[in-house]
Amino acid sequence: MKYLKGILVGAAVSAITVIIFSVTSVVLMSHFPEVVVRIFPAQKHELGWGEFYAVDFPLWPVVTVGLLVFAIAFSWTLRRASP
């Protein structure tokens, strides 16, 4: 039971952290585009009629933060569980 509880707590905290991280990144992209272009390089896309530049938001920071928070919350929940 304590493993199931640890997995559920870890998944919930991980989901909340990923949502907060993503929303913060999008807000920073919309308010400070010159800083974001330095961090995330703009990619050139062609559709056949023309081309445009878009900032591609990388997924690896979000996944890394989510997995790290999941591991911390899971281990913390298992340590707090009574033997």
N, C-alpha and C. Protein backbone atom coordinates (compact mmCIF):
# COMPACT_ATOMS: atom_id res chain seq x y z
N MET A 1 0.81 -1.19 0.00
CA MET A 1 0.00 0.00 0.00
C MET A 1 0.86 1.26 0.00
N LYS A 2 1.99 1.19 0.73
CA LYS A 2 2.82 2.39 0.79
C LYS A 2 3.48 2.68 -0.55
N TYR A 3 3.74 1.63 -1.37
CA TYR A 3 4.31 1.88 -2.69
C TYR A 3 3.29 2.54 -3.62
N LEU A 4 2.05 2.09 -3.54
CA LEU A 4 0.99 2.70 -4.35
C LEU A 4 0.78 4.16 -3.95
N LYS A 5 0.79 4.40 -2.65
CA LYS A 5 0.64 5.77 -2.16
C LYS A 5 1.83 6.63 -2.62
N GLY A 6 3.03 6.07 -2.58
CA GLY A 6 4.21 6.80 -3.03
C GLY A 6 4.15 7.12 -4.51
N ILE A 7 3.68 6.17 -5.32
CA ILE A 7 3.55 6.40 -6.76
C ILE A 7 2.50 7.47 -7.04
N LEU A 8 1.37 7.42 -6.35
CA LEU A 8 0.32 8.40 -6.56
C LEU A 8 0.77 9.81 -6.15
N VAL A 9 1.44 9.91 -5.02
CA VAL A 9 1.93 11.22 -4.57
C VAL A 9 3.00 11.73 -5.54
N GLY A 10 3.90 10.86 -5.96
CA GLY A 10 4.94 11.26 -6.91
C GLY A 10 4.36 11.72 -8.24
N ALA A 11 3.35 11.00 -8.73
CA ALA A 11 2.73 11.37 -10.00
C ALA A 11 1.98 12.70 -9.89
N ALA A 12 1.29 12.90 -8.77
CA ALA A 12 0.55 14.16 -8.59
C ALA A 12 1.50 15.35 -8.49
N VAL A 13 2.54 15.23 -7.72
CA VAL A 13 3.50 16.33 -7.57
C VAL A 13 4.24 16.57 -8.89
N SER A 14 4.55 15.50 -9.60
CA SER A 14 5.21 15.63 -10.90
C SER A 14 4.32 16.35 -11.90
N ALA A 15 3.04 16.00 -11.95
CA ALA A 15 2.10 16.66 -12.87
C ALA A 15 1.96 18.15 -12.54
N ILE A 16 1.85 18.46 -11.26
CA ILE A 16 1.72 19.86 -10.86
C ILE A 16 2.99 20.64 -11.23
N THR A 17 4.15 20.06 -11.00
CA THR A 17 5.40 20.73 -11.32
C THR A 17 5.56 20.95 -12.82
N VAL A 18 5.20 19.95 -13.63
CA VAL A 18 5.30 20.08 -15.09
C VAL A 18 4.36 21.17 -15.59
N ILE A 19 3.15 21.23 -15.04
CA ILE A 19 2.20 22.28 -15.44
C ILE A 19 2.73 23.66 -15.08
N ILE A 20 3.24 23.82 -13.86
CA ILE A 20 3.78 25.12 -13.44
C ILE A 20 4.98 25.51 -14.29
N PHE A 21 5.87 24.56 -14.56
CA PHE A 21 7.06 24.83 -15.37
C PHE A 21 6.67 25.25 -16.79
N SER A 22 5.69 24.55 -17.37
CA SER A 22 5.26 24.88 -18.73
C SER A 22 4.58 26.24 -18.81
N VAL A 23 3.70 26.53 -17.85
CA VAL A 23 3.01 27.82 -17.84
C VAL A 23 4.01 28.96 -17.64
N THR A 24 4.97 28.76 -16.75
CA THR A 24 5.99 29.78 -16.53
C THR A 24 6.81 30.03 -17.80
N SER A 25 7.15 28.96 -18.50
CA SER A 25 7.91 29.12 -19.75
C SER A 25 7.13 29.85 -20.81
N VAL A 26 5.84 29.54 -20.95
CA VAL A 26 5.01 30.22 -21.95
C VAL A 26 4.84 31.69 -21.60
N VAL A 27 4.65 32.00 -20.32
CA VAL A 27 4.52 33.40 -19.90
C VAL A 27 5.82 34.16 -20.18
N LEU A 28 6.95 33.55 -19.88
CA LEU A 28 8.23 34.20 -20.18
C LEU A 28 8.41 34.40 -21.68
N MET A 29 7.98 33.43 -22.48
CA MET A 29 8.09 33.56 -23.94
C MET A 29 7.26 34.71 -24.47
N SER A 30 6.09 34.92 -23.89
CA SER A 30 5.23 35.98 -24.39
C SER A 30 5.65 37.36 -23.90
N HIS A 31 6.24 37.46 -22.73
CA HIS A 31 6.61 38.77 -22.18
C HIS A 31 8.05 39.19 -22.49
N PHE A 32 8.94 38.22 -22.64
CA PHE A 32 10.35 38.52 -22.90
C PHE A 32 10.85 37.72 -24.09
N PRO A 33 10.38 38.03 -25.31
CA PRO A 33 10.78 37.22 -26.47
C PRO A 33 12.26 37.32 -26.81
N GLU A 34 12.90 38.44 -26.52
CA GLU A 34 14.32 38.57 -26.86
C GLU A 34 15.19 37.68 -25.99
N VAL A 35 14.79 37.43 -24.76
CA VAL A 35 15.54 36.53 -23.89
C VAL A 35 15.30 35.08 -24.31
N VAL A 36 14.09 34.76 -24.67
CA VAL A 36 13.74 33.39 -25.04
C VAL A 36 14.45 32.97 -26.32
N VAL A 37 14.59 33.89 -27.26
CA VAL A 37 15.27 33.55 -28.51
C VAL A 37 16.74 33.21 -28.25
N ARG A 38 17.34 33.82 -27.24
CA ARG A 38 18.71 33.46 -26.88
C ARG A 38 18.79 32.08 -26.25
N ILE A 39 17.79 31.72 -25.46
CA ILE A 39 17.80 30.42 -24.79
C ILE A 39 17.38 29.31 -25.75
N PHE A 40 16.24 29.49 -26.41
CA PHE A 40 15.71 28.51 -27.36
C PHE A 40 15.86 29.09 -28.77
N PRO A 41 16.74 28.56 -29.60
CA PRO A 41 16.94 29.14 -30.93
C PRO A 41 15.69 29.00 -31.80
N ALA A 42 15.47 29.99 -32.65
CA ALA A 42 14.33 29.98 -33.56
C ALA A 42 14.61 29.03 -34.72
N GLN A 43 13.60 28.30 -35.11
CA GLN A 43 13.71 27.36 -36.21
C GLN A 43 12.93 27.89 -37.41
N LYS A 44 13.49 27.70 -38.60
CA LYS A 44 12.83 28.15 -39.82
C LYS A 44 11.93 27.02 -40.34
N HIS A 45 10.67 27.34 -40.57
CA HIS A 45 9.70 26.36 -41.08
C HIS A 45 9.19 26.82 -42.43
N GLU A 46 9.03 25.88 -43.35
CA GLU A 46 8.50 26.20 -44.68
C GLU A 46 7.24 25.39 -44.92
N LEU A 47 6.20 26.06 -45.42
CA LEU A 47 4.93 25.41 -45.69
C LEU A 47 4.66 25.24 -47.19
N GLY A 48 5.52 25.73 -48.03
CA GLY A 48 5.31 25.67 -49.46
C GLY A 48 4.90 27.02 -50.03
N TRP A 49 4.11 27.79 -49.28
CA TRP A 49 3.69 29.13 -49.72
C TRP A 49 4.61 30.20 -49.18
N GLY A 50 5.30 29.89 -48.15
CA GLY A 50 6.17 30.86 -47.51
C GLY A 50 6.86 30.21 -46.34
N GLU A 51 7.55 30.98 -45.59
CA GLU A 51 8.26 30.45 -44.45
C GLU A 51 8.07 31.36 -43.24
N PHE A 52 8.27 30.79 -42.08
CA PHE A 52 8.15 31.57 -40.85
C PHE A 52 9.13 31.02 -39.83
N TYR A 53 9.43 31.85 -38.86
CA TYR A 53 10.31 31.45 -37.77
C TYR A 53 9.47 31.22 -36.52
N ALA A 54 9.77 30.15 -35.83
CA ALA A 54 9.05 29.84 -34.61
C ALA A 54 10.04 29.34 -33.57
N VAL A 55 9.78 29.65 -32.33
CA VAL A 55 10.60 29.15 -31.24
C VAL A 55 10.07 27.78 -30.87
N ASP A 56 10.92 26.79 -31.03
CA ASP A 56 10.53 25.42 -30.68
C ASP A 56 10.83 25.19 -29.20
N PHE A 57 9.79 24.93 -28.44
CA PHE A 57 9.92 24.71 -27.01
C PHE A 57 10.43 23.29 -26.78
N PRO A 58 11.63 23.12 -26.25
CA PRO A 58 12.16 21.76 -26.06
C PRO A 58 11.44 21.06 -24.91
N LEU A 59 11.23 19.77 -25.07
CA LEU A 59 10.48 19.00 -24.09
C LEU A 59 11.38 18.42 -23.00
N TRP A 60 12.67 18.29 -23.27
CA TRP A 60 13.53 17.61 -22.30
C TRP A 60 13.63 18.32 -20.96
N PRO A 61 13.61 19.67 -20.85
CA PRO A 61 13.67 20.25 -19.50
C PRO A 61 12.43 19.92 -18.68
N VAL A 62 11.27 19.89 -19.34
CA VAL A 62 10.03 19.61 -18.63
C VAL A 62 10.03 18.17 -18.13
N VAL A 63 10.45 17.24 -18.97
CA VAL A 63 10.48 15.83 -18.59
C VAL A 63 11.51 15.59 -17.49
N THR A 64 12.66 16.23 -17.59
CA THR A 64 13.70 16.07 -16.58
C THR A 64 13.23 16.58 -15.22
N VAL A 65 12.64 17.74 -15.20
CA VAL A 65 12.13 18.30 -13.93
C VAL A 65 11.01 17.41 -13.37
N GLY A 66 10.11 16.95 -14.24
CA GLY A 66 9.02 16.08 -13.78
C GLY A 66 9.52 14.78 -13.18
N LEU A 67 10.49 14.13 -13.82
CA LEU A 67 11.04 12.88 -13.29
C LEU A 67 11.81 13.10 -11.99
N LEU A 68 12.54 14.19 -11.90
CA LEU A 68 13.28 14.50 -10.68
C LEU A 68 12.32 14.72 -9.51
N VAL A 69 11.27 15.49 -9.74
CA VAL A 69 10.30 15.75 -8.67
C VAL A 69 9.56 14.46 -8.29
N PHE A 70 9.25 13.62 -9.29
CA PHE A 70 8.60 12.34 -9.00
C PHE A 70 9.48 11.50 -8.09
N ALA A 71 10.77 11.40 -8.39
CA ALA A 71 11.68 10.59 -7.58
C ALA A 71 11.79 11.13 -6.16
N ILE A 72 11.87 12.45 -6.02
CA ILE A 72 11.97 13.05 -4.69
C ILE A 72 10.70 12.81 -3.88
N ALA A 73 9.54 13.02 -4.49
CA ALA A 73 8.28 12.82 -3.77
C ALA A 73 8.05 11.36 -3.43
N PHE A 74 8.40 10.46 -4.34
CA PHE A 74 8.24 9.02 -4.08
C PHE A 74 9.11 8.58 -2.92
N SER A 75 10.38 8.97 -2.92
CA SER A 75 11.27 8.55 -1.84
C SER A 75 10.88 9.20 -0.51
N TRP A 76 10.42 10.46 -0.56
CA TRP A 76 9.99 11.13 0.66
C TRP A 76 8.77 10.44 1.25
N THR A 77 7.82 10.03 0.40
CA THR A 77 6.62 9.34 0.88
C THR A 77 6.98 7.99 1.48
N LEU A 78 7.91 7.27 0.87
CA LEU A 78 8.30 5.96 1.42
C LEU A 78 9.03 6.11 2.75
N ARG A 79 9.84 7.14 2.90
CA ARG A 79 10.54 7.35 4.17
C ARG A 79 9.59 7.72 5.29
N ARG A 80 8.54 8.48 4.94
CA ARG A 80 7.58 8.89 5.96
C ARG A 80 6.62 7.79 6.37
N ALA A 81 6.48 6.78 5.52
CA ALA A 81 5.53 5.68 5.80
C ALA A 81 5.99 4.91 7.04
N SER A 82 5.03 4.50 7.82
CA SER A 82 5.37 3.72 9.01
C SER A 82 5.76 2.30 8.60
N PRO A 83 6.71 1.69 9.29
CA PRO A 83 7.17 0.35 8.91
C PRO A 83 6.17 -0.74 9.17
